[in-house]
Amino acid sequence: MMSAVFDEYGSYTSSWSAVCAKSIAEDGDWWNELSSAYQWVMSEMGHKGMPRPDPDAAPLWAWVRWVDSKGRARTRPDRRYPGFRNQYDGLELLHLQVDENRVLCTDFDQYHCVINRWPCAPLDADRWPPAECDRWIQACLWTVTPEDVFDVRRACGKPDTIGNHG
């Protein structure tokens, strides 16, 4: 799927209007609650020096680290994890390597404070063990280019490496 997008457009940037329309069609209340959190993360991306590349661009979300069912931080998900069963059939799992200047990292749990409009406790990173800093870190970026894609696999089922890197 991504190779077809790259062939046609050269890169992939999500469309805010398409995301909005799809989300409202599926669950308008959910989107009404979430859109302000998306607006906030987009403004944070701008503050980081990552301007919106197009007025219709929407952020793309990825995991910098994924935590398995045993609580261990991983750089790629274990597709044997029960949460993947029957949920991601037909989708692709992209393993990206993106320049850090193009990525805004957010904490999964803290972002839920933004979504729910709760106060966010200040994070004192120097008090956290290094292993804890790597847990539940999300990445937000605007665009994925063919050069970013290290590996592409089916999200579920037998792994087929079809990426552009060995």
N, C-alpha and C. Protein backbone atom coordinates (compact mmCIF):
# COMPACT_ATOMS: atom_id res chain seq x y z
N MET A 1 0.82 -1.19 0.00
CA MET A 1 0.00 0.00 0.00
C MET A 1 0.87 1.26 0.00
N MET A 2 1.86 1.33 0.91
CA MET A 2 2.71 2.53 0.98
C MET A 2 3.50 2.72 -0.31
N SER A 3 3.95 1.63 -0.92
CA SER A 3 4.72 1.79 -2.15
C SER A 3 3.85 2.42 -3.24
N ALA A 4 2.56 2.11 -3.27
CA ALA A 4 1.65 2.73 -4.25
C ALA A 4 1.50 4.21 -3.96
N VAL A 5 1.41 4.58 -2.68
CA VAL A 5 1.30 6.00 -2.30
C VAL A 5 2.58 6.72 -2.69
N PHE A 6 3.73 6.13 -2.39
CA PHE A 6 5.01 6.75 -2.74
C PHE A 6 5.15 6.89 -4.25
N ASP A 7 4.72 5.87 -5.01
CA ASP A 7 4.80 5.94 -6.47
C ASP A 7 3.95 7.08 -7.02
N GLU A 8 2.77 7.27 -6.43
CA GLU A 8 1.87 8.30 -6.94
C GLU A 8 2.20 9.70 -6.44
N TYR A 9 2.55 9.82 -5.13
CA TYR A 9 2.72 11.14 -4.53
C TYR A 9 4.14 11.47 -4.10
N GLY A 10 5.01 10.49 -4.01
CA GLY A 10 6.39 10.72 -3.59
C GLY A 10 6.61 10.65 -2.09
N SER A 11 5.55 10.87 -1.30
CA SER A 11 5.61 10.79 0.16
C SER A 11 4.17 10.67 0.66
N TYR A 12 4.03 10.53 1.99
CA TYR A 12 2.69 10.44 2.56
C TYR A 12 2.53 11.45 3.67
N THR A 13 1.51 12.29 3.55
CA THR A 13 1.10 13.23 4.60
C THR A 13 -0.40 13.03 4.77
N SER A 14 -0.81 12.83 6.00
CA SER A 14 -2.23 12.60 6.28
C SER A 14 -3.04 13.87 6.08
N SER A 15 -4.28 13.73 5.69
CA SER A 15 -5.17 14.86 5.42
C SER A 15 -6.07 15.12 6.63
N TRP A 16 -6.02 16.35 7.16
CA TRP A 16 -6.87 16.73 8.29
C TRP A 16 -8.35 16.61 7.93
N SER A 17 -8.74 17.07 6.76
CA SER A 17 -10.15 17.01 6.38
C SER A 17 -10.61 15.57 6.23
N ALA A 18 -9.77 14.68 5.70
CA ALA A 18 -10.14 13.27 5.55
C ALA A 18 -10.24 12.60 6.92
N VAL A 19 -9.28 12.87 7.80
CA VAL A 19 -9.31 12.30 9.16
C VAL A 19 -10.56 12.78 9.88
N CYS A 20 -10.84 14.05 9.77
CA CYS A 20 -12.01 14.64 10.43
C CYS A 20 -13.30 14.00 9.91
N ALA A 21 -13.45 13.93 8.60
CA ALA A 21 -14.67 13.37 8.00
C ALA A 21 -14.86 11.91 8.42
N LYS A 22 -13.79 11.13 8.37
CA LYS A 22 -13.88 9.71 8.74
C LYS A 22 -14.22 9.57 10.22
N SER A 23 -13.56 10.34 11.05
CA SER A 23 -13.80 10.24 12.49
C SER A 23 -15.21 10.65 12.86
N ILE A 24 -15.72 11.70 12.25
CA ILE A 24 -17.09 12.15 12.54
C ILE A 24 -18.09 11.10 12.07
N ALA A 25 -17.83 10.50 10.90
CA ALA A 25 -18.74 9.47 10.39
C ALA A 25 -18.77 8.26 11.31
N GLU A 26 -17.61 7.90 11.88
CA GLU A 26 -17.55 6.73 12.76
C GLU A 26 -18.05 7.03 14.17
N ASP A 27 -17.71 8.22 14.70
CA ASP A 27 -18.10 8.57 16.07
C ASP A 27 -17.87 10.06 16.27
N GLY A 28 -18.88 10.85 15.95
CA GLY A 28 -18.76 12.30 16.04
C GLY A 28 -18.41 12.81 17.42
N ASP A 29 -18.96 12.18 18.46
CA ASP A 29 -18.64 12.61 19.82
C ASP A 29 -17.17 12.41 20.14
N TRP A 30 -16.63 11.27 19.71
CA TRP A 30 -15.21 10.98 19.93
C TRP A 30 -14.36 12.06 19.27
N TRP A 31 -14.67 12.39 18.03
CA TRP A 31 -13.87 13.39 17.32
C TRP A 31 -13.99 14.76 17.97
N ASN A 32 -15.19 15.13 18.40
CA ASN A 32 -15.37 16.43 19.05
C ASN A 32 -14.51 16.54 20.29
N GLU A 33 -14.36 15.45 21.02
CA GLU A 33 -13.52 15.45 22.22
C GLU A 33 -12.03 15.46 21.87
N LEU A 34 -11.66 14.81 20.80
CA LEU A 34 -10.24 14.62 20.47
C LEU A 34 -9.63 15.72 19.62
N SER A 35 -10.42 16.41 18.84
CA SER A 35 -9.85 17.36 17.88
C SER A 35 -9.03 18.46 18.56
N SER A 36 -9.44 18.93 19.74
CA SER A 36 -8.65 19.98 20.40
C SER A 36 -7.29 19.45 20.85
N ALA A 37 -7.21 18.17 21.22
CA ALA A 37 -5.92 17.57 21.58
C ALA A 37 -5.02 17.47 20.35
N TYR A 38 -5.61 17.15 19.21
CA TYR A 38 -4.83 17.12 17.96
C TYR A 38 -4.35 18.52 17.61
N GLN A 39 -5.21 19.52 17.78
CA GLN A 39 -4.81 20.91 17.52
C GLN A 39 -3.64 21.30 18.42
N TRP A 40 -3.68 20.87 19.69
CA TRP A 40 -2.61 21.17 20.63
C TRP A 40 -1.30 20.54 20.17
N VAL A 41 -1.33 19.26 19.79
CA VAL A 41 -0.08 18.62 19.37
C VAL A 41 0.45 19.26 18.09
N MET A 42 -0.43 19.69 17.21
CA MET A 42 0.02 20.37 15.99
C MET A 42 0.70 21.69 16.34
N SER A 43 0.17 22.41 17.33
CA SER A 43 0.81 23.67 17.74
C SER A 43 2.16 23.38 18.39
N GLU A 44 2.27 22.29 19.15
CA GLU A 44 3.56 21.91 19.75
C GLU A 44 4.58 21.54 18.67
N MET A 45 4.12 20.91 17.61
CA MET A 45 5.01 20.59 16.50
C MET A 45 5.54 21.88 15.88
N GLY A 46 4.67 22.87 15.73
CA GLY A 46 5.10 24.16 15.21
C GLY A 46 6.10 24.84 16.12
N HIS A 47 5.86 24.79 17.44
CA HIS A 47 6.79 25.38 18.41
C HIS A 47 8.16 24.71 18.35
N LYS A 48 8.19 23.43 18.00
CA LYS A 48 9.45 22.70 17.91
C LYS A 48 10.20 23.04 16.62
N GLY A 49 9.58 23.79 15.74
CA GLY A 49 10.22 24.12 14.47
C GLY A 49 9.85 23.15 13.37
N MET A 50 8.68 22.53 13.53
CA MET A 50 8.17 21.59 12.54
C MET A 50 6.88 22.17 11.95
N PRO A 51 6.99 23.17 11.08
CA PRO A 51 5.78 23.80 10.57
C PRO A 51 4.92 22.83 9.77
N ARG A 52 3.64 23.07 9.82
CA ARG A 52 2.68 22.26 9.06
C ARG A 52 3.01 22.41 7.58
N PRO A 53 3.27 21.31 6.89
CA PRO A 53 3.70 21.41 5.50
C PRO A 53 2.61 21.83 4.53
N ASP A 54 1.36 21.70 4.97
CA ASP A 54 0.22 21.99 4.12
C ASP A 54 -0.92 22.35 5.07
N PRO A 55 -1.78 23.30 4.73
CA PRO A 55 -2.88 23.66 5.62
C PRO A 55 -3.81 22.50 5.97
N ASP A 56 -3.82 21.45 5.15
CA ASP A 56 -4.69 20.30 5.40
C ASP A 56 -3.95 19.14 6.07
N ALA A 57 -2.68 19.31 6.39
CA ALA A 57 -1.90 18.21 6.97
C ALA A 57 -2.36 17.87 8.38
N ALA A 58 -2.35 16.58 8.69
CA ALA A 58 -2.65 16.07 10.04
C ALA A 58 -1.42 15.30 10.52
N PRO A 59 -1.19 15.29 11.83
CA PRO A 59 -0.02 14.56 12.34
C PRO A 59 -0.18 13.05 12.17
N LEU A 60 0.95 12.41 11.95
CA LEU A 60 1.01 10.96 11.93
C LEU A 60 1.60 10.51 13.25
N TRP A 61 1.08 9.43 13.79
CA TRP A 61 1.52 8.93 15.10
C TRP A 61 2.28 7.64 14.92
N ALA A 62 3.32 7.48 15.69
CA ALA A 62 4.12 6.26 15.68
C ALA A 62 4.61 6.00 17.10
N TRP A 63 5.09 4.81 17.34
CA TRP A 63 5.71 4.49 18.63
C TRP A 63 7.22 4.60 18.48
N VAL A 64 7.85 5.36 19.37
CA VAL A 64 9.31 5.34 19.45
C VAL A 64 9.71 4.05 20.14
N ARG A 65 8.96 3.71 21.15
CA ARG A 65 9.14 2.46 21.88
C ARG A 65 7.75 1.84 22.07
N TRP A 66 7.69 0.56 22.03
CA TRP A 66 6.45 -0.17 22.25
C TRP A 66 6.68 -1.07 23.44
N VAL A 67 5.73 -1.14 24.36
CA VAL A 67 5.88 -1.96 25.56
C VAL A 67 5.09 -3.25 25.37
N ASP A 68 5.78 -4.38 25.54
CA ASP A 68 5.12 -5.67 25.34
C ASP A 68 4.26 -6.05 26.54
N SER A 69 3.62 -7.20 26.47
CA SER A 69 2.69 -7.63 27.52
C SER A 69 3.39 -7.91 28.85
N LYS A 70 4.70 -8.02 28.84
CA LYS A 70 5.46 -8.23 30.08
C LYS A 70 6.06 -6.92 30.60
N GLY A 71 5.70 -5.80 29.98
CA GLY A 71 6.16 -4.50 30.44
C GLY A 71 7.55 -4.13 29.97
N ARG A 72 8.09 -4.85 28.99
CA ARG A 72 9.44 -4.55 28.48
C ARG A 72 9.33 -3.61 27.28
N ALA A 73 10.18 -2.57 27.30
CA ALA A 73 10.21 -1.63 26.18
C ALA A 73 10.91 -2.29 25.00
N ARG A 74 10.30 -2.19 23.84
CA ARG A 74 10.82 -2.78 22.60
C ARG A 74 10.87 -1.72 21.52
N THR A 75 11.78 -1.90 20.57
CA THR A 75 11.82 -0.98 19.44
C THR A 75 10.87 -1.41 18.33
N ARG A 76 10.37 -2.62 18.39
CA ARG A 76 9.34 -3.06 17.46
C ARG A 76 8.37 -3.97 18.20
N PRO A 77 7.08 -3.91 17.86
CA PRO A 77 6.10 -4.71 18.59
C PRO A 77 6.25 -6.19 18.29
N ASP A 78 5.89 -7.00 19.26
CA ASP A 78 5.83 -8.44 19.10
C ASP A 78 4.46 -8.75 18.52
N ARG A 79 4.44 -9.13 17.25
CA ARG A 79 3.17 -9.33 16.57
C ARG A 79 2.42 -10.57 17.05
N ARG A 80 3.04 -11.33 17.97
CA ARG A 80 2.34 -12.45 18.60
C ARG A 80 1.47 -11.96 19.76
N TYR A 81 1.61 -10.70 20.14
CA TYR A 81 0.85 -10.10 21.24
C TYR A 81 -0.65 -10.25 20.96
N PRO A 82 -1.42 -10.74 21.94
CA PRO A 82 -2.85 -10.99 21.70
C PRO A 82 -3.62 -9.75 21.22
N GLY A 83 -3.18 -8.55 21.60
CA GLY A 83 -3.88 -7.34 21.19
C GLY A 83 -3.85 -7.09 19.70
N PHE A 84 -2.95 -7.77 18.99
CA PHE A 84 -2.88 -7.61 17.54
C PHE A 84 -3.83 -8.54 16.79
N ARG A 85 -4.31 -9.57 17.46
CA ARG A 85 -5.13 -10.57 16.78
C ARG A 85 -6.41 -9.97 16.24
N ASN A 86 -6.64 -10.18 14.98
CA ASN A 86 -7.88 -9.78 14.29
C ASN A 86 -8.16 -8.29 14.32
N GLN A 87 -7.22 -7.49 14.80
CA GLN A 87 -7.47 -6.05 14.87
C GLN A 87 -6.79 -5.30 13.73
N TYR A 88 -5.71 -5.82 13.24
CA TYR A 88 -4.92 -5.10 12.23
C TYR A 88 -4.76 -5.90 10.95
N ASP A 89 -5.65 -6.84 10.71
CA ASP A 89 -5.58 -7.64 9.49
C ASP A 89 -5.64 -6.73 8.27
N GLY A 90 -4.78 -7.01 7.31
CA GLY A 90 -4.74 -6.24 6.07
C GLY A 90 -3.96 -4.95 6.16
N LEU A 91 -3.42 -4.61 7.35
CA LEU A 91 -2.65 -3.39 7.51
C LEU A 91 -1.16 -3.70 7.51
N GLU A 92 -0.37 -2.66 7.29
CA GLU A 92 1.08 -2.82 7.26
C GLU A 92 1.71 -2.14 8.47
N LEU A 93 2.77 -2.74 8.97
CA LEU A 93 3.54 -2.20 10.07
C LEU A 93 4.82 -1.61 9.47
N LEU A 94 4.98 -0.30 9.62
CA LEU A 94 6.15 0.38 9.08
C LEU A 94 7.18 0.56 10.18
N HIS A 95 8.41 0.20 9.90
CA HIS A 95 9.53 0.47 10.79
C HIS A 95 10.26 1.64 10.15
N LEU A 96 10.21 2.80 10.82
CA LEU A 96 10.76 4.03 10.26
C LEU A 96 12.05 4.43 10.96
N GLN A 97 12.91 5.08 10.24
CA GLN A 97 14.06 5.76 10.81
C GLN A 97 13.99 7.19 10.29
N VAL A 98 13.60 8.10 11.21
CA VAL A 98 13.32 9.48 10.84
C VAL A 98 14.25 10.41 11.61
N ASP A 99 14.77 11.42 10.94
CA ASP A 99 15.61 12.41 11.59
C ASP A 99 14.86 13.03 12.77
N GLU A 100 15.54 13.14 13.90
CA GLU A 100 14.88 13.62 15.12
C GLU A 100 14.33 15.04 14.98
N ASN A 101 14.82 15.83 14.05
CA ASN A 101 14.31 17.18 13.84
C ASN A 101 12.91 17.19 13.21
N ARG A 102 12.50 16.04 12.70
CA ARG A 102 11.18 15.92 12.07
C ARG A 102 10.17 15.23 12.96
N VAL A 103 10.54 14.99 14.24
CA VAL A 103 9.69 14.22 15.14
C VAL A 103 9.47 14.97 16.44
N LEU A 104 8.24 15.00 16.91
CA LEU A 104 7.91 15.49 18.24
C LEU A 104 7.57 14.27 19.08
N CYS A 105 8.29 14.07 20.17
CA CYS A 105 8.01 12.94 21.06
C CYS A 105 7.08 13.39 22.18
N THR A 106 6.11 12.54 22.46
CA THR A 106 5.17 12.80 23.55
C THR A 106 5.04 11.55 24.39
N ASP A 107 4.67 11.72 25.63
CA ASP A 107 4.44 10.61 26.53
C ASP A 107 3.00 10.15 26.39
N PHE A 108 2.80 8.87 26.14
CA PHE A 108 1.47 8.31 25.92
C PHE A 108 0.51 8.65 27.06
N ASP A 109 0.95 8.42 28.29
CA ASP A 109 0.07 8.67 29.44
C ASP A 109 -0.20 10.16 29.63
N GLN A 110 0.82 10.99 29.48
CA GLN A 110 0.63 12.43 29.63
C GLN A 110 -0.27 12.99 28.52
N TYR A 111 -0.19 12.43 27.32
CA TYR A 111 -1.04 12.91 26.24
C TYR A 111 -2.51 12.64 26.56
N HIS A 112 -2.78 11.59 27.31
CA HIS A 112 -4.16 11.34 27.71
C HIS A 112 -4.68 12.43 28.65
N CYS A 113 -3.77 13.06 29.37
CA CYS A 113 -4.18 14.22 30.18
C CYS A 113 -4.66 15.34 29.25
N VAL A 114 -3.96 15.54 28.14
CA VAL A 114 -4.34 16.57 27.16
C VAL A 114 -5.70 16.21 26.55
N ILE A 115 -5.85 14.95 26.15
CA ILE A 115 -7.10 14.50 25.54
C ILE A 115 -8.28 14.74 26.48
N ASN A 116 -8.09 14.41 27.74
CA ASN A 116 -9.17 14.49 28.71
C ASN A 116 -9.26 15.84 29.42
N ARG A 117 -8.38 16.75 29.03
CA ARG A 117 -8.34 18.10 29.62
C ARG A 117 -8.09 18.06 31.13
N TRP A 118 -7.20 17.17 31.52
CA TRP A 118 -6.76 17.06 32.91
C TRP A 118 -5.46 17.81 33.08
N PRO A 119 -5.13 18.22 34.29
CA PRO A 119 -3.81 18.83 34.51
C PRO A 119 -2.71 17.79 34.30
N CYS A 120 -1.62 18.24 33.70
CA CYS A 120 -0.46 17.36 33.49
C CYS A 120 0.56 17.65 34.57
N ALA A 121 0.94 16.61 35.28
CA ALA A 121 1.98 16.78 36.29
C ALA A 121 3.31 17.03 35.59
N PRO A 122 4.14 17.92 36.12
CA PRO A 122 5.45 18.14 35.49
C PRO A 122 6.28 16.87 35.55
N LEU A 123 6.97 16.61 34.48
CA LEU A 123 7.84 15.44 34.43
C LEU A 123 9.24 15.85 34.84
N ASP A 124 9.78 15.19 35.81
CA ASP A 124 11.13 15.44 36.28
C ASP A 124 12.01 14.31 35.77
N ALA A 125 12.47 14.43 34.53
CA ALA A 125 13.17 13.34 33.85
C ALA A 125 14.44 12.92 34.57
N ASP A 126 15.09 13.83 35.29
CA ASP A 126 16.33 13.43 35.95
C ASP A 126 16.10 12.50 37.14
N ARG A 127 14.86 12.34 37.57
CA ARG A 127 14.54 11.42 38.67
C ARG A 127 14.07 10.06 38.17
N TRP A 128 13.85 9.93 36.89
CA TRP A 128 13.37 8.68 36.34
C TRP A 128 14.55 7.81 35.95
N PRO A 129 14.47 6.50 36.20
CA PRO A 129 15.52 5.61 35.69
C PRO A 129 15.50 5.66 34.16
N PRO A 130 16.66 5.55 33.51
CA PRO A 130 16.71 5.64 32.04
C PRO A 130 15.76 4.68 31.34
N ALA A 131 15.60 3.47 31.86
CA ALA A 131 14.70 2.52 31.21
C ALA A 131 13.26 3.01 31.23
N GLU A 132 12.89 3.75 32.28
CA GLU A 132 11.52 4.26 32.39
C GLU A 132 11.27 5.39 31.39
N CYS A 133 12.29 6.14 31.04
CA CYS A 133 12.14 7.25 30.08
C CYS A 133 11.80 6.72 28.69
N ASP A 134 12.18 5.47 28.40
CA ASP A 134 11.94 4.90 27.08
C ASP A 134 10.56 4.25 26.94
N ARG A 135 9.77 4.22 28.01
CA ARG A 135 8.49 3.53 27.95
C ARG A 135 7.39 4.48 27.45
N TRP A 136 6.55 3.96 26.59
CA TRP A 136 5.33 4.66 26.14
C TRP A 136 5.62 6.00 25.49
N ILE A 137 6.68 6.09 24.76
CA ILE A 137 7.00 7.32 24.05
C ILE A 137 6.41 7.24 22.64
N GLN A 138 5.60 8.24 22.30
CA GLN A 138 5.00 8.35 20.98
C GLN A 138 5.81 9.33 20.14
N ALA A 139 5.70 9.19 18.85
CA ALA A 139 6.33 10.12 17.93
C ALA A 139 5.26 10.70 17.01
N CYS A 140 5.31 12.01 16.81
CA CYS A 140 4.41 12.68 15.89
C CYS A 140 5.26 13.28 14.78
N LEU A 141 4.85 13.07 13.55
CA LEU A 141 5.55 13.65 12.41
C LEU A 141 4.51 14.00 11.36
N TRP A 142 4.93 14.83 10.41
CA TRP A 142 4.00 15.28 9.38
C TRP A 142 3.98 14.37 8.17
N THR A 143 5.14 13.90 7.77
CA THR A 143 5.27 13.22 6.48
C THR A 143 6.18 12.01 6.60
N VAL A 144 5.85 10.97 5.87
CA VAL A 144 6.72 9.80 5.72
C VAL A 144 7.18 9.77 4.28
N THR A 145 8.49 9.67 4.10
CA THR A 145 9.07 9.58 2.76
C THR A 145 9.60 8.16 2.54
N PRO A 146 9.83 7.76 1.31
CA PRO A 146 10.39 6.42 1.07
C PRO A 146 11.71 6.21 1.81
N GLU A 147 12.50 7.27 1.96
CA GLU A 147 13.79 7.16 2.64
C GLU A 147 13.63 6.87 4.14
N ASP A 148 12.49 7.23 4.72
CA ASP A 148 12.22 6.99 6.14
C ASP A 148 11.93 5.52 6.44
N VAL A 149 11.45 4.79 5.44
CA VAL A 149 10.95 3.43 5.65
C VAL A 149 12.12 2.45 5.66
N PHE A 150 12.34 1.87 6.83
CA PHE A 150 13.40 0.88 7.01
C PHE A 150 12.89 -0.51 6.67
N ASP A 151 11.63 -0.78 7.02
CA ASP A 151 11.07 -2.11 6.84
C ASP A 151 9.55 -1.99 6.80
N VAL A 152 8.89 -2.82 6.01
CA VAL A 152 7.44 -2.89 5.96
C VAL A 152 7.05 -4.35 6.10
N ARG A 153 6.14 -4.61 7.02
CA ARG A 153 5.65 -5.97 7.23
C ARG A 153 4.14 -5.92 7.42
N ARG A 154 3.52 -7.04 7.14
CA ARG A 154 2.09 -7.11 7.47
C ARG A 154 1.97 -6.93 8.97
N ALA A 155 0.95 -6.23 9.42
CA ALA A 155 0.78 -5.99 10.85
C ALA A 155 0.52 -7.27 11.61
N CYS A 156 -0.12 -8.23 10.98
CA CYS A 156 -0.42 -9.51 11.63
C CYS A 156 -0.09 -10.64 10.67
N GLY A 157 0.07 -11.80 11.24
CA GLY A 157 0.34 -12.96 10.43
C GLY A 157 1.83 -13.15 10.18
N LYS A 158 2.15 -13.99 9.22
CA LYS A 158 3.53 -14.31 8.91
C LYS A 158 4.26 -13.08 8.40
N PRO A 159 5.44 -12.78 8.97
CA PRO A 159 6.16 -11.59 8.52
C PRO A 159 6.71 -11.74 7.12
N ASP A 160 6.42 -10.77 6.29
CA ASP A 160 6.99 -10.68 4.95
C ASP A 160 7.75 -9.37 4.87
N THR A 161 9.05 -9.44 4.78
CA THR A 161 9.82 -8.21 4.70
C THR A 161 9.76 -7.70 3.27
N ILE A 162 9.17 -6.53 3.09
CA ILE A 162 9.06 -5.96 1.76
C ILE A 162 9.57 -4.54 1.74
N GLY A 163 10.33 -4.15 2.77
CA GLY A 163 10.84 -2.79 2.86
C GLY A 163 11.96 -2.53 1.88
N ASN A 164 12.46 -1.30 1.88
CA ASN A 164 13.51 -0.92 0.94
C ASN A 164 14.90 -1.08 1.54
N HIS A 165 15.01 -1.56 2.77
CA HIS A 165 16.31 -1.82 3.39
C HIS A 165 16.35 -3.28 3.82
N GLY A 166 17.54 -3.85 3.85
CA GLY A 166 17.71 -5.25 4.22
C GLY A 166 17.61 -5.44 5.64
